[in-house]
C-alpha atoms as a PDB file:
ATOM      1  CA  MET A   1       0.017  -0.001   0.012  1.00  0.00           C
ATOM      2  CA  LEU A   2       1.488   3.329  -1.060  1.00  0.00           C
ATOM      3  CA  PHE A   3       0.993   6.811   0.355  1.00  0.00           C
ATOM      4  CA  LYS A   4       0.168   9.636  -2.052  1.00  0.00           C
ATOM      5  CA  SER A   5       2.766  11.735  -0.229  1.00  0.00           C
ATOM      6  CA  PRO A   6       6.477  11.119  -1.137  1.00  0.00           C
ATOM      7  CA  GLY A   7       7.346  10.735   2.553  1.00  0.00           C
ATOM      8  CA  ARG A   8       9.630  12.543   4.997  1.00  0.00           C
ATOM      9  CA  GLN A   9      10.454  16.094   3.883  1.00  0.00           C
ATOM     10  CA  ILE A  10      12.201  18.881   5.735  1.00  0.00           C
ATOM     11  CA  THR A  11      11.619  22.575   5.025  1.00  0.00           C
ATOM     12  CA  ARG A  12      13.295  25.651   6.468  1.00  0.00           C
ATOM     13  CA  SER A  13      11.486  28.952   6.785  1.00  0.00           C
ATOM     14  CA  PRO A  14      13.165  32.371   6.235  1.00  0.00           C
ATOM     15  CA  ASP A  15      13.580  32.674  10.014  1.00  0.00           C
ATOM     16  CA  HIS A  16      15.322  29.249  10.076  1.00  0.00           C
ATOM     17  CA  GLN A  17      12.453  27.299  11.652  1.00  0.00           C
ATOM     18  CA  ILE A  18      12.612  23.653  10.542  1.00  0.00           C
ATOM     19  CA  THR A  19       9.384  21.770   9.722  1.00  0.00           C
ATOM     20  CA  ILE A  20       9.213  18.039   9.110  1.00  0.00           C
ATOM     21  CA  PHE A  21       6.423  16.458   7.018  1.00  0.00           C
ATOM     22  CA  MET A  22       5.951  12.742   7.250  1.00  0.00           C
ATOM     23  CA  ASN A  23       3.829   9.759   6.363  1.00  0.00           C
ATOM     24  CA  LEU A  24       2.449   8.872   9.771  1.00  0.00           C
ATOM     25  CA  LEU A  25       0.713   5.705  11.006  1.00  0.00           C
ATOM     26  CA  LEU A  26      -1.846   5.994  13.786  1.00  0.00           C
ATOM     27  CA  ILE A  27      -2.337   2.634  15.481  1.00  0.00           C
ATOM     28  CA  GLY A  28      -5.711   2.591  17.163  1.00  0.00           C
ATOM     29  CA  GLY A  29      -6.464   5.812  15.326  1.00  0.00           C
ATOM     30  CA  SER A  30     -10.199   5.202  15.190  1.00  0.00           C
ATOM     31  CA  GLY A  31     -10.626   5.526  18.939  1.00  0.00           C
ATOM     32  CA  LEU A  32     -11.381   8.637  20.971  1.00  0.00           C
ATOM     33  CA  VAL A  33      -7.869  10.121  21.027  1.00  0.00           C
ATOM     34  CA  GLY A  34      -7.062   9.238  17.399  1.00  0.00           C
ATOM     35  CA  THR A  35     -10.363  10.722  16.190  1.00  0.00           C
ATOM     36  CA  PHE A  36      -9.952  14.069  17.846  1.00  0.00           C
ATOM     37  CA  VAL A  37      -6.236  14.613  17.166  1.00  0.00           C
ATOM     38  CA  THR A  38      -6.525  13.632  13.481  1.00  0.00           C
ATOM     39  CA  PRO A  39      -7.506  17.049  12.145  1.00  0.00           C
ATOM     40  CA  TYR A  40      -4.565  18.680  13.880  1.00  0.00           C
ATOM     41  CA  LEU A  41      -2.034  16.098  12.718  1.00  0.00           C
ATOM     42  CA  GLN A  42      -3.372  16.293   9.141  1.00  0.00           C
ATOM     43  CA  HIS A  43      -2.208  19.888   8.909  1.00  0.00           C
ATOM     44  CA  ARG A  44       1.391  18.626   9.073  1.00  0.00           C
ATOM     45  CA  HIS A  45       1.467  14.988   8.061  1.00  0.00           C
ATOM     46  CA  THR A  46      -0.121  12.421   5.740  1.00  0.00           C
ATOM     47  CA  LEU A  47      -1.980   9.912   7.863  1.00  0.00           C
ATOM     48  CA  ARG A  48      -2.897   6.241   7.760  1.00  0.00           C
ATOM     49  CA  VAL A  49      -4.868   4.392  10.410  1.00  0.00           C
ATOM     50  CA  LEU A  50      -4.453   0.740  11.552  1.00  0.00           C
ATOM     51  CA  ASP A  51      -7.491  -0.269  13.562  1.00  0.00           C
ATOM     52  CA  ILE A  52     -10.126  -2.998  13.820  1.00  0.00           C
ATOM     53  CA  HIS A  53     -12.695  -0.236  13.097  1.00  0.00           C
ATOM     54  CA  PRO A  54     -12.591   2.257  10.266  1.00  0.00           C
ATOM     55  CA  PRO A  55     -11.682   5.829  11.162  1.00  0.00           C
ATOM     56  CA  LYS A  56     -14.383   8.478  11.602  1.00  0.00           C
ATOM     57  CA  HIS A  57     -12.617  10.670   9.044  1.00  0.00           C
ATOM     58  CA  ASP A  58     -13.141   9.396   5.485  1.00  0.00           C
ATOM     59  CA  ASP A  59     -10.122  11.135   3.886  1.00  0.00           C
ATOM     60  CA  ILE A  60      -7.480   8.881   5.509  1.00  0.00           C
ATOM     61  CA  ASP A  61      -5.800   5.716   4.348  1.00  0.00           C
ATOM     62  CA  TYR A  62      -7.070   2.772   6.405  1.00  0.00           C
ATOM     63  CA  VAL A  63      -5.756  -0.686   7.016  1.00  0.00           C
ATOM     64  CA  SER A  64      -8.149  -3.017   8.841  1.00  0.00           C
ATOM     65  CA  GLY A  65      -6.448  -5.179  11.439  1.00  0.00           C
ATOM     66  CA  SER A  66      -4.922  -5.547  14.847  1.00  0.00           C
ATOM     67  CA  THR A  67      -1.410  -5.122  16.200  1.00  0.00           C
ATOM     68  CA  THR A  68      -1.493  -8.851  17.026  1.00  0.00           C
ATOM     69  CA  ASP A  69      -1.606  -9.631  13.261  1.00  0.00           C
ATOM     70  CA  PRO A  70       1.975  -9.266  11.989  1.00  0.00           C
ATOM     71  CA  GLU A  71       0.876  -9.141   8.336  1.00  0.00           C
ATOM     72  CA  ALA A  72      -1.632  -6.324   8.970  1.00  0.00           C
ATOM     73  CA  VAL A  73       1.050  -4.409  10.918  1.00  0.00           C
ATOM     74  CA  ARG A  74       3.501  -4.813   8.042  1.00  0.00           C
ATOM     75  CA  ARG A  75       0.966  -3.620   5.474  1.00  0.00           C
ATOM     76  CA  ALA A  76       0.097  -0.608   7.605  1.00  0.00           C
ATOM     77  CA  LEU A  77       3.751   0.354   8.170  1.00  0.00           C
ATOM     78  CA  GLU A  78       4.695   0.182   4.511  1.00  0.00           C
ATOM     79  CA  GLY A  79       5.809   3.566   3.306  1.00  0.00           C
ATOM     80  CA  THR A  80       5.582   5.257   6.707  1.00  0.00           C
ATOM     81  CA  ASP A  81       8.241   7.386   8.397  1.00  0.00           C
ATOM     82  CA  ALA A  82       6.968   7.225  11.967  1.00  0.00           C
ATOM     83  CA  PHE A  83       4.081   5.996  14.042  1.00  0.00           C
ATOM     84  CA  ILE A  84       1.922   6.839  17.059  1.00  0.00           C
ATOM     85  CA  THR A  85       0.271   3.946  18.890  1.00  0.00           C
ATOM     86  CA  MET A  86      -2.800   4.928  20.915  1.00  0.00           C
ATOM     87  CA  THR A  87      -4.466   1.555  21.335  1.00  0.00           C
ATOM     88  CA  MET A  88      -6.590   0.772  24.392  1.00  0.00           C
ATOM     89  CA  LYS A  89      -8.977  -2.001  25.339  1.00  0.00           C
ATOM     90  CA  SER A  90     -10.670  -2.527  28.700  1.00  0.00           C
ATOM     91  CA  GLY A  91      -9.173   0.583  30.210  1.00  0.00           C
ATOM     92  CA  GLN A  92      -9.603   1.296  33.943  1.00  0.00           C
ATOM     93  CA  GLY A  93      -9.183   4.163  36.384  1.00  0.00           C
ATOM     94  CA  GLY A  94      -6.245   4.299  38.785  1.00  0.00           C
ATOM     95  CA  PHE A  95      -7.793   3.347  42.088  1.00  0.00           C
ATOM     96  CA  SER A  96      -9.084  -0.213  42.044  1.00  0.00           C
ATOM     97  CA  ARG A  97      -7.229  -3.507  41.675  1.00  0.00           C
ATOM     98  CA  ASP A  98     -10.392  -5.393  40.727  1.00  0.00           C
ATOM     99  CA  HIS A  99     -10.460  -6.846  37.184  1.00  0.00           C
ATOM    100  CA  THR A 100     -11.798  -9.818  35.290  1.00  0.00           C
ATOM    101  CA  ILE A 101      -9.803 -12.491  33.472  1.00  0.00           C
ATOM    102  CA  GLU A 102     -11.221 -11.005  30.224  1.00  0.00           C
ATOM    103  CA  GLN A 103      -9.796  -7.586  31.120  1.00  0.00           C
ATOM    104  CA  ALA A 104      -6.430  -9.194  31.877  1.00  0.00           C
ATOM    105  CA  ILE A 105      -6.342 -10.975  28.517  1.00  0.00           C
ATOM    106  CA  ASP A 106      -7.389  -7.801  26.657  1.00  0.00           C
ATOM    107  CA  ASN A 107      -4.798  -5.609  28.338  1.00  0.00           C
ATOM    108  CA  TYR A 108      -1.878  -7.984  28.066  1.00  0.00           C
ATOM    109  CA  THR A 109      -2.731  -8.647  24.435  1.00  0.00           C
ATOM    110  CA  VAL A 110      -2.991  -5.008  23.390  1.00  0.00           C
ATOM    111  CA  ASN A 111      -0.488  -3.282  25.708  1.00  0.00           C
ATOM    112  CA  CYS A 112       2.245  -5.895  25.656  1.00  0.00           C
ATOM    113  CA  LEU A 113       2.026  -8.508  22.863  1.00  0.00           C
ATOM    114  CA  GLY A 114       0.598  -6.139  20.250  1.00  0.00           C
ATOM    115  CA  LEU A 115       3.121  -3.446  21.069  1.00  0.00           C
ATOM    116  CA  HIS A 116       6.023  -5.897  20.858  1.00  0.00           C
ATOM    117  CA  ILE A 117       4.851  -7.111  17.451  1.00  0.00           C
ATOM    118  CA  LEU A 118       4.489  -3.525  16.257  1.00  0.00           C
ATOM    119  CA  LEU A 119       7.991  -2.400  17.416  1.00  0.00           C
ATOM    120  CA  HIS A 120       9.694  -5.570  16.178  1.00  0.00           C
ATOM    121  CA  THR A 121       8.084  -5.250  12.755  1.00  0.00           C
ATOM    122  CA  ALA A 122       8.835  -1.522  12.533  1.00  0.00           C
ATOM    123  CA  SER A 123      12.485  -2.096  13.426  1.00  0.00           C
ATOM    124  CA  GLU A 124      12.775  -4.775  10.762  1.00  0.00           C
ATOM    125  CA  MET A 125      11.367  -2.320   8.227  1.00  0.00           C
ATOM    126  CA  GLY A 126      13.717   0.455   9.296  1.00  0.00           C
ATOM    127  CA  ILE A 127      10.943   2.595  10.828  1.00  0.00           C
ATOM    128  CA  MET A 128      12.737   3.560  13.988  1.00  0.00           C
ATOM    129  CA  ARG A 129      10.800   6.503  15.377  1.00  0.00           C
ATOM    130  CA  GLY A 130       7.473   6.605  17.155  1.00  0.00           C
ATOM    131  CA  ILE A 131       5.331   7.439  20.163  1.00  0.00           C
ATOM    132  CA  PHE A 132       3.682   5.083  22.633  1.00  0.00           C
ATOM    133  CA  THR A 133       0.558   6.428  24.340  1.00  0.00           C
ATOM    134  CA  SER A 134       0.684   5.239  27.921  1.00  0.00           C
ATOM    135  CA  THR A 135      -1.355   6.513  30.859  1.00  0.00           C
ATOM    136  CA  MET A 136      -1.021   8.223  34.224  1.00  0.00           C
ATOM    137  CA  THR A 137      -2.773   5.075  35.468  1.00  0.00           C
ATOM    138  CA  VAL A 138       0.625   3.381  35.528  1.00  0.00           C
ATOM    139  CA  HIS A 139       0.799   5.246  38.863  1.00  0.00           C
ATOM    140  CA  ASN A 140      -1.487   4.884  41.835  1.00  0.00           C
ATOM    141  CA  ARG A 141      -3.646   8.000  41.490  1.00  0.00           C
ATOM    142  CA  ASP A 142      -4.089   8.337  45.249  1.00  0.00           C
ATOM    143  CA  ARG A 143      -1.306  10.945  45.520  1.00  0.00           C
ATOM    144  CA  ALA A 144      -1.286  14.730  45.341  1.00  0.00           C
ATOM    145  CA  TRP A 145       2.087  15.294  43.661  1.00  0.00           C
ATOM    146  CA  TYR A 146       3.970  13.700  40.805  1.00  0.00           C
ATOM    147  CA  PRO A 147       7.503  15.203  40.977  1.00  0.00           C
ATOM    148  CA  SER A 148       8.960  13.550  37.856  1.00  0.00           C
ATOM    149  CA  GLU A 149       8.464  10.786  35.392  1.00  0.00           C
ATOM    150  CA  GLU A 150      11.462   8.895  36.718  1.00  0.00           C
ATOM    151  CA  GLU A 151      10.787   9.462  40.441  1.00  0.00           C
ATOM    152  CA  VAL A 152       7.160   8.345  40.788  1.00  0.00           C
ATOM    153  CA  PRO A 153       6.846   4.576  41.108  1.00  0.00           C
ATOM    154  CA  MET A 154       4.728   2.597  38.695  1.00  0.00           C
ATOM    155  CA  ASP A 155       2.451   1.353  41.405  1.00  0.00           C
ATOM    156  CA  GLY A 156      -0.968   1.520  39.724  1.00  0.00           C
ATOM    157  CA  PRO A 157      -3.209  -1.136  41.205  1.00  0.00           C
ATOM    158  CA  ASN A 158      -5.178  -2.198  38.131  1.00  0.00           C
ATOM    159  CA  VAL A 159      -4.329  -4.413  35.183  1.00  0.00           C
ATOM    160  CA  TYR A 160      -4.667  -1.580  32.647  1.00  0.00           C
ATOM    161  CA  GLY A 161      -2.000   0.538  34.342  1.00  0.00           C
ATOM    162  CA  LEU A 162       0.126  -2.517  35.048  1.00  0.00           C
ATOM    163  CA  THR A 163       0.282  -3.591  31.419  1.00  0.00           C
ATOM    164  CA  LYS A 164       0.801  -0.025  30.157  1.00  0.00           C
ATOM    165  CA  GLY A 165       3.788   0.078  32.477  1.00  0.00           C
ATOM    166  CA  PHE A 166       5.014  -3.178  30.993  1.00  0.00           C
ATOM    167  CA  GLY A 167       4.529  -1.557  27.569  1.00  0.00           C
ATOM    168  CA  GLU A 168       6.833   1.288  28.573  1.00  0.00           C
ATOM    169  CA  ARG A 169       9.465  -1.338  29.464  1.00  0.00           C
ATOM    170  CA  VAL A 170       8.950  -2.912  26.004  1.00  0.00           C
ATOM    171  CA  CYS A 171       9.688   0.512  24.498  1.00  0.00           C
ATOM    172  CA  LYS A 172      12.862   0.902  26.602  1.00  0.00           C
ATOM    173  CA  TYR A 173      13.938  -2.566  25.456  1.00  0.00           C
ATOM    174  CA  PHE A 174      13.555  -1.688  21.770  1.00  0.00           C
ATOM    175  CA  ALA A 175      15.401   1.612  22.265  1.00  0.00           C
ATOM    176  CA  ARG A 176      18.287  -0.186  23.999  1.00  0.00           C
ATOM    177  CA  GLU A 177      18.557  -3.326  21.909  1.00  0.00           C
ATOM    178  CA  PHE A 178      17.280  -2.162  18.490  1.00  0.00           C
ATOM    179  CA  ASP A 179      18.361   1.496  18.572  1.00  0.00           C
ATOM    180  CA  MET A 180      14.781   2.795  18.173  1.00  0.00           C
ATOM    181  CA  ASN A 181      13.989   6.413  19.116  1.00  0.00           C
ATOM    182  CA  LEU A 182      10.742   6.540  21.085  1.00  0.00           C
ATOM    183  CA  ALA A 183       8.652   8.889  23.192  1.00  0.00           C
ATOM    184  CA  VAL A 184       6.161   7.702  25.807  1.00  0.00           C
ATOM    185  CA  PHE A 185       3.187   9.847  26.825  1.00  0.00           C
ATOM    186  CA  ARG A 186       1.529   9.259  30.222  1.00  0.00           C
ATOM    187  CA  ILE A 187      -1.734  11.018  29.444  1.00  0.00           C
ATOM    188  CA  THR A 188      -4.693  11.800  31.669  1.00  0.00           C
ATOM    189  CA  GLY A 189      -8.312  12.742  30.929  1.00  0.00           C
ATOM    190  CA  PRO A 190      -8.103  13.147  27.144  1.00  0.00           C
ATOM    191  CA  SER A 191     -11.070  15.311  26.132  1.00  0.00           C
ATOM    192  CA  THR A 192     -12.723  16.776  23.093  1.00  0.00           C
ATOM    193  CA  ARG A 193     -12.927  20.617  23.177  1.00  0.00           C
ATOM    194  CA  ALA A 194     -16.581  20.462  24.254  1.00  0.00           C
ATOM    195  CA  GLN A 195     -15.769  17.937  27.037  1.00  0.00           C
ATOM    196  CA  PHE A 196     -12.815  20.001  28.142  1.00  0.00           C
ATOM    197  CA  ILE A 197     -14.843  23.158  28.467  1.00  0.00           C
ATOM    198  CA  GLU A 198     -17.630  21.422  30.346  1.00  0.00           C
ATOM    199  CA  ARG A 199     -15.279  19.518  32.647  1.00  0.00           C
ATOM    200  CA  THR A 200     -13.259  22.604  33.398  1.00  0.00           C
ATOM    201  CA  LYS A 201     -16.270  24.740  34.248  1.00  0.00           C
ATOM    202  CA  GLN A 202     -18.120  21.967  36.125  1.00  0.00           C
ATOM    203  CA  PRO A 203     -15.564  19.436  37.329  1.00  0.00           C
ATOM    204  CA  PRO A 204     -17.019  15.946  37.918  1.00  0.00           C
ATOM    205  CA  THR A 205     -17.260  14.934  41.553  1.00  0.00           C
ATOM    206  CA  GLY A 206     -14.853  12.394  42.948  1.00  0.00           C
ATOM    207  CA  ALA A 207     -11.149  11.981  42.461  1.00  0.00           C
ATOM    208  CA  LYS A 208      -9.257  15.036  41.175  1.00  0.00           C
ATOM    209  CA  LEU A 209      -8.223  14.724  37.573  1.00  0.00           C
ATOM    210  CA  TYR A 210      -6.547  17.194  35.194  1.00  0.00           C
ATOM    211  CA  TYR A 211      -8.185  16.892  31.812  1.00  0.00           C
ATOM    212  CA  THR A 212      -6.247  17.373  28.581  1.00  0.00           C
ATOM    213  CA  ASP A 213      -7.764  19.269  25.679  1.00  0.00           C
ATOM    214  CA  GLU A 214      -7.664  17.748  22.210  1.00  0.00           C
ATOM    215  CA  GLU A 215      -5.521  20.513  20.745  1.00  0.00           C
ATOM    216  CA  ASP A 216      -3.029  20.419  23.614  1.00  0.00           C
ATOM    217  CA  LEU A 217      -2.657  16.660  23.182  1.00  0.00           C
ATOM    218  CA  ALA A 218      -2.289  16.974  19.410  1.00  0.00           C
ATOM    219  CA  ASP A 219       0.382  19.691  19.816  1.00  0.00           C
ATOM    220  CA  ALA A 220       2.246  17.331  22.202  1.00  0.00           C
ATOM    221  CA  TYR A 221       2.224  14.603  19.600  1.00  0.00           C
ATOM    222  CA  LEU A 222       3.477  16.983  16.931  1.00  0.00           C
ATOM    223  CA  ALA A 223       6.288  18.179  19.215  1.00  0.00           C
ATOM    224  CA  ALA A 224       7.286  14.596  20.122  1.00  0.00           C
ATOM    225  CA  LEU A 225       7.371  13.577  16.429  1.00  0.00           C
ATOM    226  CA  GLU A 226      10.033  16.212  15.915  1.00  0.00           C
ATOM    227  CA  PHE A 227      11.795  15.254  19.133  1.00  0.00           C
ATOM    228  CA  VAL A 228      12.281  11.620  18.060  1.00  0.00           C
ATOM    229  CA  GLN A 229      13.927  12.701  14.810  1.00  0.00           C
ATOM    230  CA  ILE A 230      16.996  13.698  16.815  1.00  0.00           C
ATOM    231  CA  GLY A 231      19.437  11.127  18.042  1.00  0.00           C
ATOM    232  CA  HIS A 232      18.856   7.400  18.332  1.00  0.00           C
ATOM    233  CA  GLY A 233      18.523   4.575  20.814  1.00  0.00           C
ATOM    234  CA  ARG A 234      16.595   6.400  23.494  1.00  0.00           C
ATOM    235  CA  CYS A 235      13.157   6.260  25.082  1.00  0.00           C
ATOM    236  CA  GLU A 236      11.842   9.216  27.086  1.00  0.00           C
ATOM    237  CA  SER A 237       8.587   9.289  29.111  1.00  0.00           C
ATOM    238  CA  PHE A 238       6.544  12.477  29.563  1.00  0.00           C
ATOM    239  CA  PHE A 239       3.672  13.556  31.770  1.00  0.00           C
ATOM    240  CA  ILE A 240       1.040  15.112  29.488  1.00  0.00           C
ATOM    241  CA  SER A 241      -1.947  16.816  31.052  1.00  0.00           C
ATOM    242  CA  GLY A 242      -3.890  20.069  31.245  1.00  0.00           C
ATOM    243  CA  ASP A 243      -2.300  20.954  34.611  1.00  0.00           C
ATOM    244  CA  VAL A 244      -1.245  24.458  33.497  1.00  0.00           C
ATOM    245  CA  VAL A 245       0.398  25.549  36.755  1.00  0.00           C
ATOM    246  CA  HIS A 246       1.908  22.152  37.611  1.00  0.00           C
ATOM    247  CA  GLU A 247      -0.223  21.890  40.729  1.00  0.00           C
ATOM    248  CA  GLU A 248      -0.277  18.105  40.582  1.00  0.00           C
ATOM    249  CA  MET A 249       2.188  17.079  37.891  1.00  0.00           C
ATOM    250  CA  ASN A 250       5.635  18.457  37.225  1.00  0.00           C
ATOM    251  CA  MET A 251       5.616  18.699  33.426  1.00  0.00           C
ATOM    252  CA  SER A 252       8.905  20.624  33.140  1.00  0.00           C
ATOM    253  CA  LYS A 253      10.479  17.705  31.253  1.00  0.00           C
ATOM    254  CA  ALA A 254       7.916  18.107  28.426  1.00  0.00           C
ATOM    255  CA  LYS A 255       8.608  21.835  28.396  1.00  0.00           C
ATOM    256  CA  ALA A 256      12.367  21.331  28.349  1.00  0.00           C
ATOM    257  CA  LEU A 257      12.638  18.502  25.829  1.00  0.00           C
ATOM    258  CA  LEU A 258       9.510  18.983  23.653  1.00  0.00           C
ATOM    259  CA  GLY A 259       8.968  22.688  23.979  1.00  0.00           C
ATOM    260  CA  TRP A 260       5.400  21.818  24.933  1.00  0.00           C
ATOM    261  CA  GLU A 261       2.976  22.962  27.602  1.00  0.00           C
ATOM    262  CA  PRO A 262      -0.822  23.023  27.737  1.00  0.00           C
ATOM    263  CA  CYS A 263      -2.228  26.315  26.399  1.00  0.00           C
ATOM    264  CA  THR A 264      -5.943  25.799  25.857  1.00  0.00           C
ATOM    265  CA  LYS A 265      -7.175  26.758  29.270  1.00  0.00           C
ATOM    266  CA  ARG A 266      -5.435  30.100  29.146  1.00  0.00           C
ATOM    267  CA  LYS A 267      -6.311  30.629  25.490  1.00  0.00           C
ATOM    268  CA  LEU A 268      -9.999  30.136  26.244  1.00  0.00           C
ATOM    269  CA  SER A 269      -9.785  32.096  29.523  1.00  0.00           C
ATOM    270  CA  LEU A 270     -11.195  29.165  31.477  1.00  0.00           C
END
């Protein structure tokens, strides 16, 4: 399967700003996150989606299949320059350890086996740069402060966070052993613009949660795609949320390495 775009291109503006255009694969791109970030990513890159369901946007290349199918993964990766994996099945919040055997099977299959197949296939094809969408649920959410990505233990009690944490270790393995360049996003509360406004003005009751607006998350992906173009053999994890003043999460690493911070709340004067 061939992209209409010729692939990775680099342009330099008169003020020496560098912009990279790529053929980009979104794995799980038909889900909530993939659907709402697609319009923002399309402004910069040519997209293809690998998913068991067709994308909501009808102007995108689509490969039907799962990350547990090596042939579907190979077809989807053909002609791409980088990838973002945003798959999720049987997700859970960060407070309860209760889960079913079905949830365990779903989460190990998607977050560990499928991810390993994806990264192994991509490395064989020379596609060495990508982003893994993890979750803040790798941590127990019963804490008020997350000082750094490296300092907070991965002590989430549920099987979703557990296996996403294992997925992060898979990414580190492929960076170390296969020289891949990867970014990991620990996201929280991904929201459409309408959801973000509603949740900001009228926060749901219960556990505190910083929601992340669709545009802020898309901008983080765009920044990380440029970040992974530099260097090789590394895997960096980032807290990504709408916590503008770092009240709960220290996101200075994303600011320093990606040049990213959430802007929507201030932009909309919320």
